[in-house]
Amino acid sequence: MAGWGQTSIKTNAQPSPTLQEVELTVMGKSMCLSRPYLHYVPSRMLCVGEPQERKAPFLGDSGGPLVCDGKAQGIVSHGSGDGSAPSVFTRLSKYVCWIKKTLRKLKP
């Protein structure tokens, strides 16, 4: 995933001035289901990140891409609020029809 979000949990941390990239792991749904504060819906969301590695999207990364094998698979949605993994991403495959339909409407 990539983003310009904060790279520190300090209160006054600023967004990154350069695009940051991190390799994350798509986890099984049980990882996010075991954390009710994530409000995880497996059919529409992806559970991403390994808590042991302390790698996760953070403040300012929302809307950033999750790319797997060169294809967009998810969009950063939300996480725990403290920068710890796992985080929740929108599962793009569930919205492909809606995205295509919406884009067709935008063509002149």
Protein backbone atom coordinates (compact mmCIF):
# COMPACT_ATOMS: atom_id res chain seq x y z
CA MET A 1 0.00 0.00 0.00
CA ALA A 2 1.07 3.58 -0.45
CA GLY A 3 0.18 6.85 1.20
CA TRP A 4 1.23 10.21 2.58
CA GLY A 5 -0.04 9.52 6.09
CA GLN A 6 1.72 10.11 9.37
CA THR A 7 4.70 7.89 10.12
CA SER A 8 4.67 8.59 13.86
CA ILE A 9 2.07 8.26 16.61
CA LYS A 10 3.23 11.52 18.19
CA THR A 11 0.38 13.98 18.78
CA ASN A 12 1.79 16.72 16.52
CA ALA A 13 3.03 14.41 13.76
CA GLN A 14 2.62 15.76 10.24
CA PRO A 15 1.77 13.84 7.07
CA SER A 16 4.77 12.52 5.19
CA PRO A 17 6.14 14.99 2.60
CA THR A 18 6.97 12.03 0.34
CA LEU A 19 4.87 9.09 -0.77
CA GLN A 20 5.52 6.12 1.51
CA GLU A 21 5.17 2.49 0.47
CA VAL A 22 4.92 -0.61 2.63
CA GLU A 23 4.44 -4.28 1.86
CA LEU A 24 1.53 -5.69 3.85
CA THR A 25 -0.08 -9.11 4.18
CA VAL A 26 -3.76 -9.79 3.49
CA MET A 27 -4.88 -11.74 6.55
CA GLY A 28 -7.69 -14.20 7.16
CA LYS A 29 -10.99 -12.72 8.24
CA SER A 30 -10.68 -14.13 11.78
CA MET A 31 -7.93 -11.60 12.56
CA CYS A 32 -10.29 -8.64 12.05
CA LEU A 33 -13.42 -10.39 13.32
CA SER A 34 -11.66 -10.90 16.66
CA ARG A 35 -11.41 -7.11 17.01
CA PRO A 36 -15.01 -5.81 17.20
CA TYR A 37 -13.88 -2.16 17.19
CA LEU A 38 -12.88 -2.63 13.53
CA HIS A 39 -16.53 -3.14 12.42
CA TYR A 40 -15.28 -5.64 9.84
CA VAL A 41 -17.64 -7.04 7.18
CA PRO A 42 -15.72 -9.83 5.36
CA SER A 43 -17.84 -9.79 2.20
CA ARG A 44 -17.04 -6.11 1.55
CA MET A 45 -13.70 -5.64 3.28
CA LEU A 46 -10.14 -6.99 3.46
CA CYS A 47 -8.22 -7.53 6.70
CA VAL A 48 -4.64 -6.37 6.14
CA GLY A 49 -1.44 -6.27 8.16
CA GLU A 50 0.38 -8.33 10.73
CA PRO A 51 0.35 -7.02 14.32
CA GLN A 52 3.83 -8.43 15.04
CA GLU A 53 5.39 -6.31 12.29
CA ARG A 54 3.83 -2.98 13.38
CA LYS A 55 3.14 -2.02 9.77
CA ALA A 56 -0.21 -0.44 9.00
CA PRO A 57 -1.83 2.55 7.33
CA PHE A 58 -2.20 5.52 9.67
CA LEU A 59 -3.74 8.98 9.85
CA GLY A 60 -3.74 10.51 6.38
CA ASP A 61 -3.53 7.20 4.48
CA SER A 62 -7.30 6.73 4.05
CA GLY A 63 -8.22 6.27 0.40
CA GLY A 64 -4.77 4.94 -0.48
CA PRO A 65 -4.39 1.86 -2.68
CA LEU A 66 -3.67 -1.75 -1.80
CA VAL A 67 -2.02 -3.28 -4.88
CA CYS A 68 -1.45 -7.03 -5.24
CA ASP A 69 0.40 -8.40 -8.28
CA GLY A 70 0.02 -5.07 -10.09
CA LYS A 71 -3.76 -4.82 -9.59
CA ALA A 72 -5.70 -2.58 -7.23
CA GLN A 73 -7.42 -4.83 -4.70
CA GLY A 74 -8.37 -2.48 -1.89
CA ILE A 75 -8.66 1.05 -0.57
CA VAL A 76 -7.54 2.04 2.93
CA SER A 77 -10.67 2.42 5.03
CA HIS A 78 -9.93 2.38 8.75
CA GLY A 79 -7.96 0.82 11.57
CA SER A 80 -7.51 0.76 15.31
CA GLY A 81 -6.66 4.46 15.62
CA ASP A 82 -3.24 3.86 17.14
CA GLY A 83 -1.44 2.74 13.99
CA SER A 84 -1.40 -0.92 14.94
CA ALA A 85 -2.34 -3.72 12.56
CA PRO A 86 -4.58 -5.11 11.30
CA SER A 87 -6.40 -2.47 9.29
CA VAL A 88 -9.51 -2.63 7.17
CA PHE A 89 -9.53 -1.98 3.43
CA THR A 90 -12.53 -1.73 1.10
CA ARG A 91 -12.64 -4.87 -1.09
CA LEU A 92 -12.67 -3.39 -4.61
CA SER A 93 -13.91 -6.58 -6.28
CA LYS A 94 -17.30 -6.05 -4.60
CA TYR A 95 -17.68 -2.63 -6.22
CA VAL A 96 -16.37 -3.16 -9.77
CA CYS A 97 -19.86 -3.10 -11.33
CA TRP A 98 -20.79 0.08 -9.48
CA ILE A 99 -17.46 1.73 -10.39
CA LYS A 100 -17.88 0.90 -14.09
CA LYS A 101 -21.50 2.08 -14.09
CA THR A 102 -20.55 5.34 -12.40
CA LEU A 103 -17.63 5.96 -14.78
CA ARG A 104 -19.88 5.38 -17.82
CA LYS A 105 -22.19 8.11 -16.54
CA LEU A 106 -19.27 10.54 -16.41
CA LYS A 107 -18.33 10.15 -20.08
CA PRO A 108 -19.40 13.12 -22.25
